[in-house]
Amino acid sequence: MNDDDATTLLNRLAERVPVGAAPVEEVIRSGQKARVRHRRTTVLAVAAGVAIVLIGGFAVRQALQPARVTPVAGRPDTGPAAPAGTRLVGIGQAAIAVPEDWGTNQTRCGQPQTNTVVIDQGVVPLCAIMGPQTASDVELQIAPEAPSNFATATPTSIDGVVAMKTPLRCTSEGSFAANPYQLCTESLWVQQERALFTVTSPHASTVRRLLASVRVHKGYVAVPFTYSAGATRDVRSFTEAARAEGLQVQTRLDRTSSSPAGWIVDVDPAVGSMLRPGATVQVTVSSGAGPQSGQGTAPPATTTAAACPLTSNVQRVLVTRTAAAGNGLTFDFPRRVTVRDPAAISQVVSALCAAPPVPRGAVYHCPNDIGPYYRLAAFDGSPKPAWTVDIDATGCRTIGGIGNLGRWTTGRMWHALAAAMGVRPPTYQTLAGHPSR
């Protein structure tokens, strides 16, 4: 297939995807409520069921408006100079400088696991119980209007552009394991760029330093978000948004992706990268030729052990159970169990590799996350594990650590794990624990 054929196919795929007006204001309100709710680390409320929640900003900024900047031919595809040891991440022409070693979307249940930038997230399982936040994060959202929590914000100016900033707030989050801690946060909204920057950290000095680095870089624009209305990664919406910013888009097809046809698989440079107008963004798009999942539904369990990074050729697997203190659950087996039977290990690996991937493009709110999770560490003779896998027994009941994909747990997986551990009966309920009487 040549470039013309690929372009024609992508255009046809794009025409099949309905694009309506994005509910930006509702999305921002939902995201802020979810974030505030899950900053509280002592929540013990338990609810049944799973509710779908949309959070974060959407890439519709100026999507239907003429480009406000004129592409300049012949200029290099490089962004503005960042302070030493940092990288720029932005929306429109506004960007914040974050340390180079910070990750991107390194979160669990909406809470950062390490210092990270939170931008253009996809599937975000949220939990009812969280430990104290010990890492810092910078969250970027698209905000056409001032958020509701800006009632006490003060006007300011960033490089001659009108902005508003909330007061720095440091709240005591109580005590966790008898150790008191606090969490500080501050937000900056750049009105012209519709860019909302929120910094959260246990350290007030970190919040002040990061938020003070926000600049409006005239002559540069950020790679727009990929997720659009309905939490889809529609190539047509992204292309419109990128061209409105003066960027060029070059696409290539991925025939191995299980995502729906027309779904964005990857963007290079990454979302939020600052570029000169006229620069080219490489977009990888699913052709729909791979195992088809359908938008918003779990793909069939067709993943095989041969395509899975886990290996059963190990000497032992150490299974460790971790559970929240005071959850009222009891277990009839030790917290650590070592599995040495090669046949049992092979059954567990096969079941893990056959677990279906979590569908992309949806955000899941998973309450009732008070149960245990299991860490499987496989050893092949060396001191370090050959691989590790984390399995949540409650909440969304997901598996992490199998490549770059999150996966759903299955009855087969729970049975194989319980049987390998010698747990009776070998069922999910036994591993999830029983309420104490």
Protein backbone atom coordinates (compact mmCIF):
# COMPACT_ATOMS: atom_id res chain seq x y z
CA MET A 1 0.00 0.00 0.00
CA ASN A 2 1.44 3.40 -0.96
CA ASP A 3 0.96 6.74 0.80
CA ASP A 4 -2.02 7.70 -1.38
CA ASP A 5 -3.79 4.43 -0.62
CA ALA A 6 -3.14 4.85 3.09
CA THR A 7 -4.48 8.41 3.03
CA THR A 8 -7.62 7.31 1.16
CA LEU A 9 -8.25 4.52 3.64
CA LEU A 10 -7.77 6.80 6.63
CA ASN A 11 -10.19 9.33 5.16
CA ARG A 12 -12.79 6.60 4.72
CA LEU A 13 -12.26 5.42 8.28
CA ALA A 14 -12.57 8.94 9.58
CA GLU A 15 -15.85 9.50 7.74
CA ARG A 16 -17.42 6.59 9.63
CA VAL A 17 -16.67 8.16 13.01
CA PRO A 18 -19.40 10.57 14.16
CA VAL A 19 -17.97 13.64 15.85
CA GLY A 20 -20.33 15.78 17.87
CA ALA A 21 -19.80 18.70 20.15
CA ALA A 22 -17.66 17.72 23.10
CA PRO A 23 -19.25 18.22 26.56
CA VAL A 24 -16.15 20.04 27.74
CA GLU A 25 -17.66 21.83 30.73
CA GLU A 26 -19.32 18.68 32.07
CA VAL A 27 -16.12 16.74 31.54
CA ILE A 28 -14.02 19.27 33.45
CA ARG A 29 -16.50 19.33 36.34
CA SER A 30 -16.56 15.56 36.49
CA GLY A 31 -12.77 15.38 36.42
CA GLN A 32 -12.38 17.93 39.19
CA LYS A 33 -14.92 16.18 41.40
CA ALA A 34 -13.24 12.84 40.85
CA ARG A 35 -9.83 14.30 41.62
CA VAL A 36 -10.98 16.02 44.82
CA ARG A 37 -12.81 12.91 45.92
CA HIS A 38 -9.82 10.65 45.44
CA ARG A 39 -7.36 12.99 47.13
CA ARG A 40 -9.05 12.02 50.39
CA THR A 41 -7.12 9.03 51.60
CA THR A 42 -9.36 7.92 54.46
CA VAL A 43 -12.53 7.33 52.46
CA LEU A 44 -14.17 4.08 53.54
CA ALA A 45 -17.46 4.37 51.70
CA VAL A 46 -18.27 1.21 49.79
CA ALA A 47 -20.60 1.01 46.81
CA ALA A 48 -21.45 -1.88 44.55
CA GLY A 49 -21.22 -1.92 40.79
CA VAL A 50 -19.08 -0.08 38.26
CA ALA A 51 -19.90 3.37 36.91
CA ILE A 52 -18.28 4.89 33.85
CA VAL A 53 -16.83 8.34 34.50
CA LEU A 54 -15.25 10.69 32.01
CA ILE A 55 -12.35 12.77 33.33
CA GLY A 56 -9.71 15.04 31.87
CA GLY A 57 -9.78 17.50 29.01
CA PHE A 58 -10.67 16.88 25.40
CA ALA A 59 -8.87 17.85 22.22
CA VAL A 60 -11.50 20.10 20.68
CA ARG A 61 -9.76 23.43 21.21
CA GLN A 62 -10.24 25.48 18.05
CA ALA A 63 -10.93 22.26 16.15
CA LEU A 64 -13.48 23.99 13.96
CA GLN A 65 -11.79 27.37 13.86
CA PRO A 66 -9.20 28.64 11.41
CA ALA A 67 -5.60 28.17 12.48
CA ARG A 68 -4.52 31.17 14.53
CA VAL A 69 -0.90 30.71 13.49
CA THR A 70 0.63 30.54 10.05
CA PRO A 71 2.93 27.55 9.40
CA VAL A 72 6.49 28.63 8.72
CA ALA A 73 8.24 26.44 6.16
CA GLY A 74 11.84 25.42 6.59
CA ARG A 75 12.09 25.93 10.35
CA PRO A 76 13.35 23.01 12.42
CA ASP A 77 10.82 20.93 14.37
CA THR A 78 12.23 21.99 17.74
CA GLY A 79 10.50 23.59 20.67
CA PRO A 80 11.55 26.52 22.87
CA ALA A 81 14.51 26.06 25.17
CA ALA A 82 13.54 24.55 28.52
CA PRO A 83 15.37 25.34 31.76
CA ALA A 84 18.27 22.98 32.43
CA GLY A 85 17.16 19.54 33.58
CA THR A 86 13.51 20.06 32.56
CA ARG A 87 11.15 19.41 29.67
CA LEU A 88 8.18 21.48 28.54
CA VAL A 89 4.63 20.15 28.49
CA GLY A 90 1.81 22.37 27.34
CA ILE A 91 -1.58 23.20 25.91
CA GLY A 92 -1.73 25.68 23.06
CA GLN A 93 1.12 28.15 23.57
CA ALA A 94 1.22 27.76 27.36
CA ALA A 95 3.65 25.26 28.87
CA ILE A 96 5.05 24.23 32.23
CA ALA A 97 8.61 23.03 32.88
CA VAL A 98 8.81 19.69 34.68
CA PRO A 99 11.93 17.70 35.62
CA GLU A 100 13.23 15.49 32.82
CA ASP A 101 13.08 12.37 34.95
CA TRP A 102 9.35 12.72 35.68
CA GLY A 103 7.08 10.15 34.09
CA THR A 104 3.83 10.64 32.18
CA ASN A 105 0.51 9.31 33.51
CA GLN A 106 2.28 7.17 36.11
CA THR A 107 -0.83 6.82 38.25
CA ARG A 108 -2.86 4.13 39.92
CA CYS A 109 -6.50 4.75 40.69
CA GLY A 110 -5.98 8.41 39.83
CA GLN A 111 -3.11 8.85 42.31
CA PRO A 112 0.52 9.32 41.23
CA GLN A 113 2.82 6.43 42.04
CA THR A 114 5.90 8.50 41.24
CA ASN A 115 6.52 12.11 40.23
CA THR A 116 4.58 12.45 37.00
CA VAL A 117 2.80 14.62 34.45
CA VAL A 118 -0.90 13.76 34.04
CA ILE A 119 -2.15 14.58 30.55
CA ASP A 120 -4.48 13.05 27.96
CA GLN A 121 -5.22 9.94 30.02
CA GLY A 122 -7.25 7.00 28.77
CA VAL A 123 -8.45 4.25 31.09
CA VAL A 124 -8.31 5.44 34.70
CA PRO A 125 -9.67 3.05 37.33
CA LEU A 126 -10.57 4.93 40.51
CA CYS A 127 -10.53 3.34 43.98
CA ALA A 128 -12.48 3.92 47.18
CA ILE A 129 -9.46 3.61 49.47
CA MET A 130 -6.07 5.16 48.82
CA GLY A 131 -2.90 5.51 50.85
CA PRO A 132 -1.27 8.88 51.41
CA GLN A 133 0.06 10.62 48.32
CA THR A 134 3.83 10.76 48.59
CA ALA A 135 4.65 11.79 45.01
CA SER A 136 4.09 15.07 43.14
CA ASP A 137 2.11 15.53 39.95
CA VAL A 138 1.34 18.21 37.38
CA GLU A 139 -2.06 17.82 35.73
CA LEU A 140 -2.90 19.55 32.42
CA GLN A 141 -6.53 19.99 31.41
CA ILE A 142 -8.36 21.92 28.72
CA ALA A 143 -10.62 24.51 30.36
CA PRO A 144 -12.62 26.86 28.09
CA GLU A 145 -13.99 28.63 31.19
CA ALA A 146 -12.64 29.26 34.66
CA PRO A 147 -13.23 26.18 36.84
CA SER A 148 -15.72 26.45 39.68
CA ASN A 149 -12.97 26.35 42.33
CA PHE A 150 -11.54 29.63 40.97
CA ALA A 151 -13.97 31.78 42.97
CA THR A 152 -11.10 32.94 45.18
CA ALA A 153 -8.50 33.03 42.38
CA THR A 154 -6.56 36.23 41.75
CA PRO A 155 -5.85 37.75 38.31
CA THR A 156 -2.30 37.63 37.07
CA SER A 157 -0.37 37.85 33.82
CA ILE A 158 1.89 35.31 32.14
CA ASP A 159 4.08 36.87 29.46
CA GLY A 160 1.43 39.51 28.82
CA VAL A 161 -1.42 36.99 28.67
CA VAL A 162 -4.30 37.14 31.16
CA ALA A 163 -4.32 34.33 33.70
CA MET A 164 -5.82 33.45 37.08
CA LYS A 165 -4.21 31.62 39.97
CA THR A 166 -5.76 29.98 43.02
CA PRO A 167 -4.24 30.44 46.47
CA LEU A 168 -1.80 27.76 47.59
CA ARG A 169 -3.67 25.38 49.86
CA CYS A 170 -2.03 22.84 52.12
CA THR A 171 -4.51 20.59 53.89
CA SER A 172 -3.82 18.03 56.56
CA GLU A 173 -4.94 14.65 55.29
CA GLY A 174 -5.04 13.27 58.81
CA SER A 175 -2.94 10.33 59.85
CA PHE A 176 -2.01 7.15 58.03
CA ALA A 177 -0.28 4.42 60.03
CA ALA A 178 0.18 7.01 62.82
CA ASN A 179 2.22 9.28 60.51
CA PRO A 180 0.63 12.70 59.83
CA TYR A 181 1.03 14.16 56.38
CA GLN A 182 -0.20 17.06 54.27
CA LEU A 183 -0.99 17.69 50.62
CA CYS A 184 -0.54 21.07 48.90
CA THR A 185 -2.11 22.19 45.62
CA GLU A 186 -2.34 25.28 43.43
CA SER A 187 -3.83 25.90 39.98
CA LEU A 188 -3.18 28.36 37.16
CA TRP A 189 -5.62 29.01 34.32
CA VAL A 190 -4.36 30.72 31.16
CA GLN A 191 -7.58 32.03 29.64
CA GLN A 192 -6.42 32.65 26.07
CA GLU A 193 -4.93 29.16 25.79
CA ARG A 194 -7.78 27.42 27.65
CA ALA A 195 -5.02 25.75 29.63
CA LEU A 196 -5.41 24.65 33.24
CA PHE A 197 -2.29 23.65 35.18
CA THR A 198 -2.73 22.03 38.61
CA VAL A 199 0.27 21.09 40.74
CA THR A 200 -0.14 18.81 43.74
CA SER A 201 2.62 17.77 46.11
CA PRO A 202 3.31 16.98 49.75
CA HIS A 203 5.78 19.90 49.59
CA ALA A 204 4.57 23.50 49.23
CA SER A 205 7.93 24.57 47.78
CA THR A 206 7.56 22.07 44.93
CA VAL A 207 4.11 23.42 44.07
CA ARG A 208 5.31 27.03 44.00
CA ARG A 209 8.43 26.25 41.96
CA LEU A 210 6.64 24.24 39.28
CA LEU A 211 3.68 26.57 38.85
CA ALA A 212 6.05 29.55 38.61
CA SER A 213 7.64 27.93 35.54
CA VAL A 214 4.50 28.31 33.38
CA ARG A 215 5.18 30.48 30.34
CA VAL A 216 3.37 31.46 27.16
CA HIS A 217 5.76 30.62 24.32
CA LYS A 218 4.65 32.75 21.38
CA GLY A 219 5.70 31.17 18.11
CA TYR A 220 5.27 27.63 19.45
CA VAL A 221 2.29 25.33 19.97
CA ALA A 222 1.72 22.09 21.84
CA VAL A 223 0.77 18.78 20.26
CA PRO A 224 -2.98 18.57 21.07
CA PHE A 225 -4.73 15.87 23.08
CA THR A 226 -5.71 12.65 21.33
CA TYR A 227 -8.82 11.86 23.37
CA SER A 228 -11.91 13.65 22.13
CA ALA A 229 -15.64 13.57 22.86
CA GLY A 230 -16.82 10.25 24.24
CA ALA A 231 -13.25 9.34 25.31
CA THR A 232 -12.35 8.20 21.80
CA ARG A 233 -9.03 8.67 20.00
CA ASP A 234 -10.52 9.64 16.65
CA VAL A 235 -7.86 10.46 14.04
CA ARG A 236 -10.10 12.99 12.30
CA SER A 237 -10.68 15.04 15.48
CA PHE A 238 -6.98 15.01 16.28
CA THR A 239 -6.02 16.03 12.75
CA GLU A 240 -8.45 18.97 12.82
CA ALA A 241 -7.13 20.11 16.20
CA ALA A 242 -3.49 19.80 15.10
CA ARG A 243 -4.05 21.69 11.85
CA ALA A 244 -5.92 24.42 13.74
CA GLU A 245 -2.69 24.94 15.66
CA GLY A 246 -0.68 25.11 12.42
CA LEU A 247 0.83 21.62 12.73
CA GLN A 248 1.11 19.07 9.94
CA VAL A 249 -0.08 15.49 10.45
CA GLN A 250 1.46 12.44 8.82
CA THR A 251 -0.28 9.11 9.37
CA ARG A 252 0.71 5.50 9.11
CA LEU A 253 -1.43 2.39 9.56
CA ASP A 254 -0.96 -0.28 12.21
CA ARG A 255 -2.47 -3.56 11.02
CA THR A 256 -1.67 -5.43 14.25
CA SER A 257 -3.57 -3.24 16.71
CA SER A 258 -6.74 -4.64 18.30
CA SER A 259 -8.18 -1.10 18.52
CA PRO A 260 -11.12 -0.07 16.32
CA ALA A 261 -10.43 1.25 12.81
CA GLY A 262 -9.40 4.92 12.88
CA TRP A 263 -8.24 4.74 16.51
CA ILE A 264 -4.99 6.55 17.36
CA VAL A 265 -2.38 4.12 18.62
CA ASP A 266 0.58 6.48 19.05
CA VAL A 267 1.63 10.11 18.53
CA ASP A 268 5.21 11.32 17.99
CA PRO A 269 6.22 13.82 19.36
CA ALA A 270 4.11 13.09 22.42
CA VAL A 271 1.00 15.02 23.37
CA GLY A 272 1.96 18.30 25.04
CA SER A 273 5.32 18.62 23.26
CA MET A 274 6.04 22.18 22.13
CA LEU A 275 6.72 22.59 18.39
CA ARG A 276 7.05 25.36 15.85
CA PRO A 277 4.02 25.83 13.58
CA GLY A 278 4.59 23.86 10.43
CA ALA A 279 6.22 20.95 12.27
CA THR A 280 5.01 17.45 11.46
CA VAL A 281 3.38 15.11 13.97
CA GLN A 282 3.58 11.39 13.19
CA VAL A 283 0.33 9.59 14.04
CA THR A 284 -0.03 5.81 14.10
CA VAL A 285 -3.61 4.72 13.43
CA SER A 286 -5.24 1.32 13.76
CA SER A 287 -6.46 -0.13 10.47
CA GLY A 288 -8.89 -2.39 12.31
CA ALA A 289 -7.25 -5.44 10.77
CA GLY A 290 -6.03 -6.85 14.10
CA PRO A 291 -8.23 -8.76 16.57
CA GLN A 292 -11.22 -6.42 16.72
CA SER A 293 -12.37 -5.29 20.14
CA GLY A 294 -15.09 -2.84 19.23
CA GLN A 295 -15.17 0.56 20.92
CA GLY A 296 -15.98 0.40 24.61
CA THR A 297 -16.07 -3.40 24.86
CA ALA A 298 -13.52 -5.89 26.09
CA PRO A 299 -11.70 -7.75 23.32
CA PRO A 300 -12.09 -11.51 23.14
CA ALA A 301 -9.57 -13.57 25.09
CA THR A 302 -7.47 -14.52 22.10
CA THR A 303 -4.08 -13.51 23.51
CA THR A 304 -1.88 -16.59 23.70
CA ALA A 305 1.13 -17.46 25.83
CA ALA A 306 3.33 -17.25 22.72
CA ALA A 307 2.52 -13.54 22.36
CA CYS A 308 2.84 -12.88 26.09
CA PRO A 309 6.04 -11.53 27.71
CA LEU A 310 5.61 -13.84 30.72
CA THR A 311 7.44 -17.14 30.75
CA SER A 312 6.67 -20.31 32.70
CA ASN A 313 10.30 -21.47 32.50
CA VAL A 314 11.08 -20.37 36.08
CA GLN A 315 12.01 -22.22 39.25
CA ARG A 316 9.45 -20.67 41.56
CA VAL A 317 6.76 -18.01 41.84
CA LEU A 318 6.39 -16.10 45.11
CA VAL A 319 2.80 -14.95 45.70
CA THR A 320 2.38 -12.13 48.25
CA ARG A 321 -1.00 -10.88 49.47
CA THR A 322 -1.44 -7.24 50.54
CA ALA A 323 -4.65 -5.92 52.05
CA ALA A 324 -5.81 -2.68 53.66
CA ALA A 325 -5.69 -2.80 57.45
CA GLY A 326 -9.03 -3.01 59.17
CA ASN A 327 -11.02 -4.16 56.14
CA GLY A 328 -12.64 -6.98 58.14
CA LEU A 329 -11.53 -9.76 55.80
CA THR A 330 -10.09 -13.10 56.89
CA PHE A 331 -7.97 -15.61 54.98
CA ASP A 332 -7.29 -19.30 55.65
CA PHE A 333 -3.84 -19.34 54.04
CA PRO A 334 -0.52 -17.55 54.65
CA ARG A 335 0.24 -14.07 53.34
CA ARG A 336 3.14 -15.47 51.30
CA VAL A 337 3.00 -18.70 49.33
CA THR A 338 5.76 -20.10 47.12
CA VAL A 339 4.74 -22.15 44.07
CA ARG A 340 7.37 -24.56 42.74
CA ASP A 341 5.33 -27.06 40.70
CA PRO A 342 6.21 -26.48 36.99
CA ALA A 343 2.77 -27.65 35.83
CA ALA A 344 0.98 -25.30 38.24
CA ILE A 345 3.20 -22.37 37.21
CA SER A 346 2.49 -23.10 33.55
CA GLN A 347 -1.27 -23.06 34.22
CA VAL A 348 -1.04 -19.69 35.99
CA VAL A 349 1.06 -18.13 33.21
CA SER A 350 -1.29 -19.48 30.54
CA ALA A 351 -4.33 -18.04 32.32
CA LEU A 352 -2.63 -14.65 32.83
CA CYS A 353 -1.61 -14.42 29.19
CA ALA A 354 -5.12 -15.36 28.02
CA ALA A 355 -6.76 -12.60 30.11
CA PRO A 356 -8.46 -10.00 27.88
CA PRO A 357 -6.91 -6.50 27.65
CA VAL A 358 -8.73 -3.59 29.26
CA PRO A 359 -10.56 -1.71 26.46
CA ARG A 360 -9.09 1.66 25.63
CA GLY A 361 -11.11 4.83 25.48
CA ALA A 362 -13.20 4.47 28.64
CA VAL A 363 -12.70 5.62 32.21
CA TYR A 364 -13.84 3.26 34.92
CA HIS A 365 -14.84 4.22 38.45
CA CYS A 366 -14.27 1.15 40.61
CA PRO A 367 -15.63 1.43 44.15
CA ASN A 368 -15.45 -1.24 46.87
CA ASP A 369 -11.68 -1.47 46.51
CA ILE A 370 -11.04 -2.62 50.10
CA GLY A 371 -9.83 -6.13 49.38
CA PRO A 372 -6.40 -7.55 48.73
CA TYR A 373 -4.12 -7.50 45.76
CA TYR A 374 -1.60 -10.19 44.88
CA ARG A 375 1.94 -9.72 43.61
CA LEU A 376 3.43 -12.62 41.67
CA ALA A 377 7.23 -12.57 41.44
CA ALA A 378 8.84 -15.28 39.25
CA PHE A 379 12.46 -16.31 39.85
CA ASP A 380 14.68 -18.25 37.47
CA GLY A 381 17.74 -18.54 39.72
CA SER A 382 18.88 -14.92 39.78
CA PRO A 383 18.25 -12.61 42.78
CA LYS A 384 15.93 -10.36 40.79
CA PRO A 385 12.54 -11.56 39.53
CA ALA A 386 12.28 -12.55 35.88
CA TRP A 387 8.85 -10.88 35.88
CA THR A 388 6.28 -9.52 38.33
CA VAL A 389 2.52 -9.21 37.99
CA ASP A 390 0.04 -7.37 40.24
CA ILE A 391 -3.55 -8.60 40.48
CA ASP A 392 -6.36 -6.60 42.16
CA ALA A 393 -8.95 -8.81 43.84
CA THR A 394 -11.51 -6.00 44.21
CA GLY A 395 -12.37 -2.72 42.50
CA CYS A 396 -11.83 -3.10 38.77
CA ARG A 397 -10.15 -6.51 39.26
CA THR A 398 -7.34 -5.76 36.85
CA ILE A 399 -3.95 -7.30 36.11
CA GLY A 400 -0.86 -5.15 35.71
CA GLY A 401 2.61 -6.04 34.54
CA ILE A 402 1.90 -8.00 31.36
CA GLY A 403 3.66 -5.80 28.83
CA ASN A 404 2.08 -2.37 28.41
CA LEU A 405 -1.47 -3.66 28.65
CA GLY A 406 -3.79 -3.72 31.63
CA ARG A 407 -5.97 -6.82 31.63
CA TRP A 408 -9.16 -8.02 33.26
CA THR A 409 -9.03 -10.93 35.67
CA THR A 410 -10.98 -14.06 34.71
CA GLY A 411 -12.46 -17.05 36.53
CA ARG A 412 -9.88 -19.25 34.86
CA MET A 413 -7.07 -17.07 36.19
CA TRP A 414 -8.39 -17.07 39.76
CA HIS A 415 -8.85 -20.86 39.67
CA ALA A 416 -5.34 -21.45 38.33
CA LEU A 417 -3.76 -19.14 40.92
CA ALA A 418 -5.69 -20.60 43.87
CA ALA A 419 -4.96 -24.16 42.77
CA ALA A 420 -1.24 -23.40 42.38
CA MET A 421 -1.17 -21.92 45.89
CA GLY A 422 -2.91 -24.97 47.32
CA VAL A 423 -5.89 -22.88 48.42
CA ARG A 424 -9.20 -24.69 48.91
CA PRO A 425 -11.66 -24.24 47.42
CA PRO A 426 -9.70 -22.85 44.42
CA THR A 427 -12.07 -19.96 43.68
CA TYR A 428 -12.03 -16.20 43.39
CA GLN A 429 -13.99 -15.78 46.62
CA THR A 430 -11.37 -17.68 48.62
CA LEU A 431 -8.61 -15.36 47.38
CA ALA A 432 -10.78 -12.24 47.82
CA GLY A 433 -11.24 -13.08 51.52
CA HIS A 434 -14.24 -13.65 53.78
CA PRO A 435 -15.84 -11.07 56.08
CA SER A 436 -14.95 -11.74 59.70
CA ARG A 437 -17.80 -12.86 61.89
